[in-house]
Amino acid sequence: MSPLGFATIDFETTGLSSSDRVVELAVVHSDPDGTVTGRWDTLVDPQRPPGPTHIHRITSSALRGAPLFGDVAPGLLARLSGRVVVAHNAGFDLRFLHQELARIGYPPASGIVSLCTARLSRQFLPTGRRSLAALCEVFAIELTDAHRALSDAVATAELLAAFIAHSPSRAGWAQLLQRAASRRLAPAPGTAGGETPWRPRPDGRGGQSGPGVQGVQPSRPLRPAFA
């Protein structure tokens, strides 16, 4: 069984409609206090043009040889299972997760316990912009390479850590983590053959690390800029 914790996700896509596809995804694991313990990312062949390259900077040539979503689904589901799934504007990422799983014959992942950091921010900042960049600025979190799945997922995980650190009580977080731990995600249909290796962008800055793997860096202490 996976330890209690969070799995922060981010998807880059070919567009915004139900017919669009994922071109890159990232998962960042955090322990119950928000410390990052692992991070992974991969390009995904959408079997169509990559869409808004001017936003996500993923070209058709970069996608040559990338795995299909069905190839990386076993690893993705394993990294989400039993954890609270976190995303900024979570409705967007969860919608694409459900759409892609449906395409490979997987039933809706209704057991997922999720959190949206954009919505959660209202508890800490009653007013102001809710974009990831704006909130990172408030909490003095470094966000580089925006619209790169791993960069956005790491920044979102650090934003979550800031929210946990500034919560008056950990009781609600503990209850959420326990609820997620009891909801396991089954492997995707037809994926019993094991996991296809994930393939980050070909620039040497991908993150394929986890517990027991050298190079995992804990998240740095966070202090809100308004403190």
C-alpha atoms as a PDB file:
ATOM      1  CA  MET A   1       0.000   0.000   0.000  1.00  0.00           C
ATOM      2  CA  SER A   2       1.225   3.483  -0.857  1.00  0.00           C
ATOM      3  CA  PRO A   3       2.092   5.702   2.103  1.00  0.00           C
ATOM      4  CA  LEU A   4      -0.264   8.527   2.952  1.00  0.00           C
ATOM      5  CA  GLY A   5       0.382  11.527   0.782  1.00  0.00           C
ATOM      6  CA  PHE A   6      -0.515  13.743  -2.148  1.00  0.00           C
ATOM      7  CA  ALA A   7      -0.032  13.292  -5.901  1.00  0.00           C
ATOM      8  CA  THR A   8       0.042  16.617  -7.726  1.00  0.00           C
ATOM      9  CA  ILE A   9      -0.610  16.386 -11.461  1.00  0.00           C
ATOM     10  CA  ASP A  10      -0.381  18.669 -14.460  1.00  0.00           C
ATOM     11  CA  PHE A  11      -1.324  18.001 -18.089  1.00  0.00           C
ATOM     12  CA  GLU A  12      -0.311  19.925 -21.187  1.00  0.00           C
ATOM     13  CA  THR A  13      -2.784  19.343 -24.013  1.00  0.00           C
ATOM     14  CA  THR A  14      -3.435  19.928 -27.706  1.00  0.00           C
ATOM     15  CA  GLY A  15      -6.347  22.221 -26.806  1.00  0.00           C
ATOM     16  CA  LEU A  16      -9.312  22.648 -24.489  1.00  0.00           C
ATOM     17  CA  SER A  17     -12.125  20.596 -26.053  1.00  0.00           C
ATOM     18  CA  SER A  18     -13.279  17.047 -25.356  1.00  0.00           C
ATOM     19  CA  SER A  19     -11.624  15.926 -28.597  1.00  0.00           C
ATOM     20  CA  ASP A  20      -8.202  17.241 -27.572  1.00  0.00           C
ATOM     21  CA  ARG A  21      -5.433  15.053 -26.197  1.00  0.00           C
ATOM     22  CA  VAL A  22      -2.675  15.084 -23.583  1.00  0.00           C
ATOM     23  CA  VAL A  23       0.827  15.814 -24.913  1.00  0.00           C
ATOM     24  CA  GLU A  24       2.701  15.910 -21.597  1.00  0.00           C
ATOM     25  CA  LEU A  25       1.975  14.913 -18.018  1.00  0.00           C
ATOM     26  CA  ALA A  26       3.717  15.128 -14.679  1.00  0.00           C
ATOM     27  CA  VAL A  27       3.155  13.669 -11.211  1.00  0.00           C
ATOM     28  CA  VAL A  28       4.740  14.985  -8.011  1.00  0.00           C
ATOM     29  CA  HIS A  29       4.467  13.054  -4.752  1.00  0.00           C
ATOM     30  CA  SER A  30       4.397  14.832  -1.402  1.00  0.00           C
ATOM     31  CA  ASP A  31       4.188  13.458   2.116  1.00  0.00           C
ATOM     32  CA  PRO A  32       1.454  14.587   4.554  1.00  0.00           C
ATOM     33  CA  ASP A  33       3.300  17.773   5.527  1.00  0.00           C
ATOM     34  CA  GLY A  34       3.787  18.770   1.891  1.00  0.00           C
ATOM     35  CA  THR A  35       7.439  17.801   1.449  1.00  0.00           C
ATOM     36  CA  VAL A  36       8.118  16.636  -2.113  1.00  0.00           C
ATOM     37  CA  THR A  37       9.293  13.013  -2.192  1.00  0.00           C
ATOM     38  CA  GLY A  38       9.214  12.120  -5.889  1.00  0.00           C
ATOM     39  CA  ARG A  39       8.561  13.539  -9.332  1.00  0.00           C
ATOM     40  CA  TRP A  40       8.024  12.085 -12.782  1.00  0.00           C
ATOM     41  CA  ASP A  41       7.099  13.450 -16.206  1.00  0.00           C
ATOM     42  CA  THR A  42       6.707  12.264 -19.758  1.00  0.00           C
ATOM     43  CA  LEU A  43       5.759  13.423 -23.199  1.00  0.00           C
ATOM     44  CA  VAL A  44       2.701  11.648 -24.636  1.00  0.00           C
ATOM     45  CA  ASP A  45       2.053  11.018 -28.327  1.00  0.00           C
ATOM     46  CA  PRO A  46      -1.427  12.536 -28.951  1.00  0.00           C
ATOM     47  CA  GLN A  47      -1.676  10.891 -32.384  1.00  0.00           C
ATOM     48  CA  ARG A  48      -2.416  14.308 -33.842  1.00  0.00           C
ATOM     49  CA  PRO A  49      -0.607  17.690 -34.137  1.00  0.00           C
ATOM     50  CA  PRO A  50       0.574  19.036 -30.748  1.00  0.00           C
ATOM     51  CA  GLY A  51      -1.677  22.093 -30.792  1.00  0.00           C
ATOM     52  CA  PRO A  52      -0.578  25.412 -29.201  1.00  0.00           C
ATOM     53  CA  THR A  53       3.189  25.012 -29.453  1.00  0.00           C
ATOM     54  CA  HIS A  54       3.559  28.710 -28.634  1.00  0.00           C
ATOM     55  CA  ILE A  55       2.177  27.916 -25.162  1.00  0.00           C
ATOM     56  CA  HIS A  56       3.604  24.529 -24.176  1.00  0.00           C
ATOM     57  CA  ARG A  57       6.616  24.627 -26.558  1.00  0.00           C
ATOM     58  CA  ILE A  58       6.173  20.961 -27.533  1.00  0.00           C
ATOM     59  CA  THR A  59       6.767  20.330 -31.224  1.00  0.00           C
ATOM     60  CA  SER A  60       5.857  17.403 -33.446  1.00  0.00           C
ATOM     61  CA  SER A  61       9.519  16.467 -33.689  1.00  0.00           C
ATOM     62  CA  ALA A  62       9.826  16.331 -29.890  1.00  0.00           C
ATOM     63  CA  LEU A  63       6.909  13.891 -29.795  1.00  0.00           C
ATOM     64  CA  ARG A  64       8.461  11.381 -32.194  1.00  0.00           C
ATOM     65  CA  GLY A  65       8.873   8.118 -30.326  1.00  0.00           C
ATOM     66  CA  ALA A  66       6.932   9.324 -27.272  1.00  0.00           C
ATOM     67  CA  PRO A  67       4.684   6.718 -25.613  1.00  0.00           C
ATOM     68  CA  LEU A  68       0.929   6.714 -26.062  1.00  0.00           C
ATOM     69  CA  PHE A  69      -1.290   7.560 -23.098  1.00  0.00           C
ATOM     70  CA  GLY A  70      -2.278   3.895 -22.848  1.00  0.00           C
ATOM     71  CA  ASP A  71       1.406   2.994 -22.533  1.00  0.00           C
ATOM     72  CA  VAL A  72       1.983   5.246 -19.511  1.00  0.00           C
ATOM     73  CA  ALA A  73      -1.441   4.699 -17.906  1.00  0.00           C
ATOM     74  CA  PRO A  74      -0.270   1.868 -15.595  1.00  0.00           C
ATOM     75  CA  GLY A  75       2.479   4.028 -14.106  1.00  0.00           C
ATOM     76  CA  LEU A  76       0.217   7.045 -13.864  1.00  0.00           C
ATOM     77  CA  LEU A  77      -2.547   5.144 -12.069  1.00  0.00           C
ATOM     78  CA  ALA A  78      -0.044   3.513  -9.725  1.00  0.00           C
ATOM     79  CA  ARG A  79       1.321   6.938  -8.780  1.00  0.00           C
ATOM     80  CA  LEU A  80      -2.177   8.310  -8.121  1.00  0.00           C
ATOM     81  CA  SER A  81      -3.685   5.319  -6.328  1.00  0.00           C
ATOM     82  CA  GLY A  82      -4.316   5.836  -2.619  1.00  0.00           C
ATOM     83  CA  ARG A  83      -3.254   9.493  -2.674  1.00  0.00           C
ATOM     84  CA  VAL A  84      -5.080  12.803  -2.680  1.00  0.00           C
ATOM     85  CA  VAL A  85      -4.823  14.026  -6.285  1.00  0.00           C
ATOM     86  CA  VAL A  86      -3.980  17.738  -6.440  1.00  0.00           C
ATOM     87  CA  ALA A  87      -4.014  20.155  -9.379  1.00  0.00           C
ATOM     88  CA  HIS A  88      -4.355  23.858 -10.017  1.00  0.00           C
ATOM     89  CA  ASN A  89      -7.759  24.303 -11.686  1.00  0.00           C
ATOM     90  CA  ALA A  90      -8.257  20.610 -11.010  1.00  0.00           C
ATOM     91  CA  GLY A  91     -11.413  20.380 -13.097  1.00  0.00           C
ATOM     92  CA  PHE A  92      -9.328  20.787 -16.251  1.00  0.00           C
ATOM     93  CA  ASP A  93      -6.725  18.120 -15.419  1.00  0.00           C
ATOM     94  CA  LEU A  94      -9.257  15.641 -14.050  1.00  0.00           C
ATOM     95  CA  ARG A  95     -11.440  16.069 -17.139  1.00  0.00           C
ATOM     96  CA  PHE A  96      -8.504  15.165 -19.381  1.00  0.00           C
ATOM     97  CA  LEU A  97      -7.567  12.277 -17.109  1.00  0.00           C
ATOM     98  CA  HIS A  98     -11.093  10.841 -17.393  1.00  0.00           C
ATOM     99  CA  GLN A  99     -11.210  11.443 -21.167  1.00  0.00           C
ATOM    100  CA  GLU A 100      -7.895   9.697 -21.786  1.00  0.00           C
ATOM    101  CA  LEU A 101      -8.789   6.766 -19.519  1.00  0.00           C
ATOM    102  CA  ALA A 102     -12.123   6.399 -21.309  1.00  0.00           C
ATOM    103  CA  ARG A 103     -10.307   6.131 -24.646  1.00  0.00           C
ATOM    104  CA  ILE A 104      -8.424   3.059 -23.424  1.00  0.00           C
ATOM    105  CA  GLY A 105     -11.566   1.461 -22.002  1.00  0.00           C
ATOM    106  CA  TYR A 106     -11.060   2.418 -18.383  1.00  0.00           C
ATOM    107  CA  PRO A 107     -14.197   3.287 -16.351  1.00  0.00           C
ATOM    108  CA  PRO A 108     -14.460   6.763 -14.805  1.00  0.00           C
ATOM    109  CA  ALA A 109     -12.006   7.100 -11.927  1.00  0.00           C
ATOM    110  CA  SER A 110     -14.771   8.010  -9.501  1.00  0.00           C
ATOM    111  CA  GLY A 111     -12.745   6.902  -6.492  1.00  0.00           C
ATOM    112  CA  ILE A 112     -10.276   9.754  -6.792  1.00  0.00           C
ATOM    113  CA  VAL A 113     -10.130  12.137  -3.822  1.00  0.00           C
ATOM    114  CA  SER A 114      -9.005  15.469  -5.235  1.00  0.00           C
ATOM    115  CA  LEU A 115      -8.055  19.013  -4.262  1.00  0.00           C
ATOM    116  CA  CYS A 116      -7.932  22.173  -6.369  1.00  0.00           C
ATOM    117  CA  THR A 117      -5.302  24.671  -5.201  1.00  0.00           C
ATOM    118  CA  ALA A 118      -7.092  27.500  -7.029  1.00  0.00           C
ATOM    119  CA  ARG A 119     -10.247  26.900  -4.978  1.00  0.00           C
ATOM    120  CA  LEU A 120      -8.271  26.200  -1.823  1.00  0.00           C
ATOM    121  CA  SER A 121      -6.516  29.554  -2.148  1.00  0.00           C
ATOM    122  CA  ARG A 122      -9.762  31.340  -1.201  1.00  0.00           C
ATOM    123  CA  GLN A 123      -9.300  30.105   2.366  1.00  0.00           C
ATOM    124  CA  PHE A 124      -5.939  31.847   2.614  1.00  0.00           C
ATOM    125  CA  LEU A 125      -6.389  34.807   0.255  1.00  0.00           C
ATOM    126  CA  PRO A 126      -9.988  36.033   0.163  1.00  0.00           C
ATOM    127  CA  THR A 127      -9.286  38.365  -2.760  1.00  0.00           C
ATOM    128  CA  GLY A 128      -6.850  38.560  -5.629  1.00  0.00           C
ATOM    129  CA  ARG A 129      -5.930  36.616  -8.727  1.00  0.00           C
ATOM    130  CA  ARG A 130      -6.054  32.809  -8.605  1.00  0.00           C
ATOM    131  CA  SER A 131      -3.620  31.928 -11.393  1.00  0.00           C
ATOM    132  CA  LEU A 132      -0.741  29.656 -10.459  1.00  0.00           C
ATOM    133  CA  ALA A 133       1.769  32.387 -11.308  1.00  0.00           C
ATOM    134  CA  ALA A 134      -0.021  34.974  -9.150  1.00  0.00           C
ATOM    135  CA  LEU A 135      -0.279  32.665  -6.144  1.00  0.00           C
ATOM    136  CA  CYS A 136       3.345  31.585  -6.467  1.00  0.00           C
ATOM    137  CA  GLU A 137       4.331  35.239  -6.362  1.00  0.00           C
ATOM    138  CA  VAL A 138       2.354  35.792  -3.156  1.00  0.00           C
ATOM    139  CA  PHE A 139       3.920  32.789  -1.444  1.00  0.00           C
ATOM    140  CA  ALA A 140       7.457  33.432  -2.785  1.00  0.00           C
ATOM    141  CA  ILE A 141       7.485  30.178  -4.775  1.00  0.00           C
ATOM    142  CA  GLU A 142       9.745  30.034  -7.807  1.00  0.00           C
ATOM    143  CA  LEU A 143       7.878  29.201 -11.009  1.00  0.00           C
ATOM    144  CA  THR A 144      10.099  28.771 -14.039  1.00  0.00           C
ATOM    145  CA  ASP A 145       9.150  27.204 -17.364  1.00  0.00           C
ATOM    146  CA  ALA A 146       5.423  27.826 -16.928  1.00  0.00           C
ATOM    147  CA  HIS A 147       3.260  25.523 -19.083  1.00  0.00           C
ATOM    148  CA  ARG A 148       5.798  22.767 -18.743  1.00  0.00           C
ATOM    149  CA  ALA A 149       4.017  19.933 -16.941  1.00  0.00           C
ATOM    150  CA  LEU A 150       6.759  19.186 -14.408  1.00  0.00           C
ATOM    151  CA  SER A 151       7.427  22.855 -13.575  1.00  0.00           C
ATOM    152  CA  ASP A 152       3.736  23.571 -13.029  1.00  0.00           C
ATOM    153  CA  ALA A 153       3.233  20.401 -10.973  1.00  0.00           C
ATOM    154  CA  VAL A 154       6.221  21.148  -8.716  1.00  0.00           C
ATOM    155  CA  ALA A 155       5.053  24.735  -8.179  1.00  0.00           C
ATOM    156  CA  THR A 156       1.526  23.510  -7.383  1.00  0.00           C
ATOM    157  CA  ALA A 157       2.930  20.968  -4.907  1.00  0.00           C
ATOM    158  CA  GLU A 158       4.889  23.737  -3.192  1.00  0.00           C
ATOM    159  CA  LEU A 159       1.769  25.905  -3.089  1.00  0.00           C
ATOM    160  CA  LEU A 160      -0.034  23.007  -1.406  1.00  0.00           C
ATOM    161  CA  ALA A 161       2.813  22.805   1.123  1.00  0.00           C
ATOM    162  CA  ALA A 162       2.350  26.511   1.887  1.00  0.00           C
ATOM    163  CA  PHE A 163      -1.366  25.991   2.485  1.00  0.00           C
ATOM    164  CA  ILE A 164      -0.678  23.061   4.819  1.00  0.00           C
ATOM    165  CA  ALA A 165       1.942  25.062   6.730  1.00  0.00           C
ATOM    166  CA  HIS A 166      -0.489  27.946   7.239  1.00  0.00           C
ATOM    167  CA  SER A 167      -3.467  25.815   8.262  1.00  0.00           C
ATOM    168  CA  PRO A 168      -4.555  26.307  11.887  1.00  0.00           C
ATOM    169  CA  SER A 169      -5.176  22.565  12.208  1.00  0.00           C
ATOM    170  CA  ARG A 170      -3.948  19.416  10.443  1.00  0.00           C
ATOM    171  CA  ALA A 171      -7.089  17.437  11.306  1.00  0.00           C
ATOM    172  CA  GLY A 172      -8.876  18.143   8.026  1.00  0.00           C
ATOM    173  CA  TRP A 173      -5.795  17.225   6.008  1.00  0.00           C
ATOM    174  CA  ALA A 174      -5.392  13.961   7.933  1.00  0.00           C
ATOM    175  CA  GLN A 175      -9.018  12.988   7.281  1.00  0.00           C
ATOM    176  CA  LEU A 176      -8.631  13.695   3.566  1.00  0.00           C
ATOM    177  CA  LEU A 177      -5.454  11.616   3.359  1.00  0.00           C
ATOM    178  CA  GLN A 178      -7.080   8.689   5.168  1.00  0.00           C
ATOM    179  CA  ARG A 179     -10.088   8.820   2.847  1.00  0.00           C
ATOM    180  CA  ALA A 180      -7.844   8.744  -0.227  1.00  0.00           C
ATOM    181  CA  ALA A 181      -5.781   5.857   1.164  1.00  0.00           C
ATOM    182  CA  SER A 182      -8.861   3.644   1.206  1.00  0.00           C
ATOM    183  CA  ARG A 183      -9.629   4.247  -2.482  1.00  0.00           C
ATOM    184  CA  ARG A 184      -7.307   2.266  -4.709  1.00  0.00           C
ATOM    185  CA  LEU A 185      -7.277   2.639  -8.490  1.00  0.00           C
ATOM    186  CA  ALA A 186      -7.226  -0.575 -10.491  1.00  0.00           C
ATOM    187  CA  PRO A 187      -4.717  -0.950 -13.361  1.00  0.00           C
ATOM    188  CA  ALA A 188      -6.010   0.191 -16.726  1.00  0.00           C
ATOM    189  CA  PRO A 189      -7.507  -2.587 -18.908  1.00  0.00           C
ATOM    190  CA  GLY A 190      -5.044  -4.400 -21.117  1.00  0.00           C
ATOM    191  CA  THR A 191      -1.989  -3.084 -19.251  1.00  0.00           C
ATOM    192  CA  ALA A 192      -0.965  -6.232 -17.397  1.00  0.00           C
ATOM    193  CA  GLY A 193       2.282  -6.361 -19.354  1.00  0.00           C
ATOM    194  CA  GLY A 194       3.887  -3.734 -17.155  1.00  0.00           C
ATOM    195  CA  GLU A 195       4.834  -0.106 -17.430  1.00  0.00           C
ATOM    196  CA  THR A 196       6.337   1.517 -20.512  1.00  0.00           C
ATOM    197  CA  PRO A 197       9.245   3.803 -19.557  1.00  0.00           C
ATOM    198  CA  TRP A 198       8.247   7.447 -19.351  1.00  0.00           C
ATOM    199  CA  ARG A 199      10.054   9.868 -21.644  1.00  0.00           C
ATOM    200  CA  PRO A 200      10.607  13.471 -20.498  1.00  0.00           C
ATOM    201  CA  ARG A 201      11.313  16.311 -22.895  1.00  0.00           C
ATOM    202  CA  PRO A 202      14.683  15.822 -24.617  1.00  0.00           C
ATOM    203  CA  ASP A 203      16.446  18.690 -22.827  1.00  0.00           C
ATOM    204  CA  GLY A 204      17.829  16.908 -19.781  1.00  0.00           C
ATOM    205  CA  ARG A 205      15.517  18.637 -17.302  1.00  0.00           C
ATOM    206  CA  GLY A 206      12.938  15.911 -16.792  1.00  0.00           C
ATOM    207  CA  GLY A 207      12.224  14.462 -13.374  1.00  0.00           C
ATOM    208  CA  GLN A 208      12.191  10.700 -12.949  1.00  0.00           C
ATOM    209  CA  SER A 209      12.792  10.310  -9.254  1.00  0.00           C
ATOM    210  CA  GLY A 210      11.064   8.728  -6.324  1.00  0.00           C
ATOM    211  CA  PRO A 211      11.631   7.150  -2.927  1.00  0.00           C
ATOM    212  CA  GLY A 212      14.963   5.350  -2.851  1.00  0.00           C
ATOM    213  CA  VAL A 213      16.189   7.081  -6.015  1.00  0.00           C
ATOM    214  CA  GLN A 214      19.137   9.429  -5.864  1.00  0.00           C
ATOM    215  CA  GLY A 215      18.489  13.058  -6.646  1.00  0.00           C
ATOM    216  CA  VAL A 216      15.184  13.632  -4.881  1.00  0.00           C
ATOM    217  CA  GLN A 217      15.182  17.101  -3.383  1.00  0.00           C
ATOM    218  CA  PRO A 218      12.756  18.051  -0.619  1.00  0.00           C
ATOM    219  CA  SER A 219      10.709  21.155  -1.178  1.00  0.00           C
ATOM    220  CA  ARG A 220      12.239  24.271   0.367  1.00  0.00           C
ATOM    221  CA  PRO A 221      10.581  26.070   3.297  1.00  0.00           C
ATOM    222  CA  LEU A 222       7.887  28.426   2.103  1.00  0.00           C
ATOM    223  CA  ARG A 223       7.016  31.835   3.504  1.00  0.00           C
ATOM    224  CA  PRO A 224       4.175  33.972   2.144  1.00  0.00           C
ATOM    225  CA  ALA A 225       5.319  37.290   0.761  1.00  0.00           C
ATOM    226  CA  PHE A 226       2.648  39.082   2.786  1.00  0.00           C
ATOM    227  CA  ALA A 227       3.855  37.755   6.182  1.00  0.00           C
END
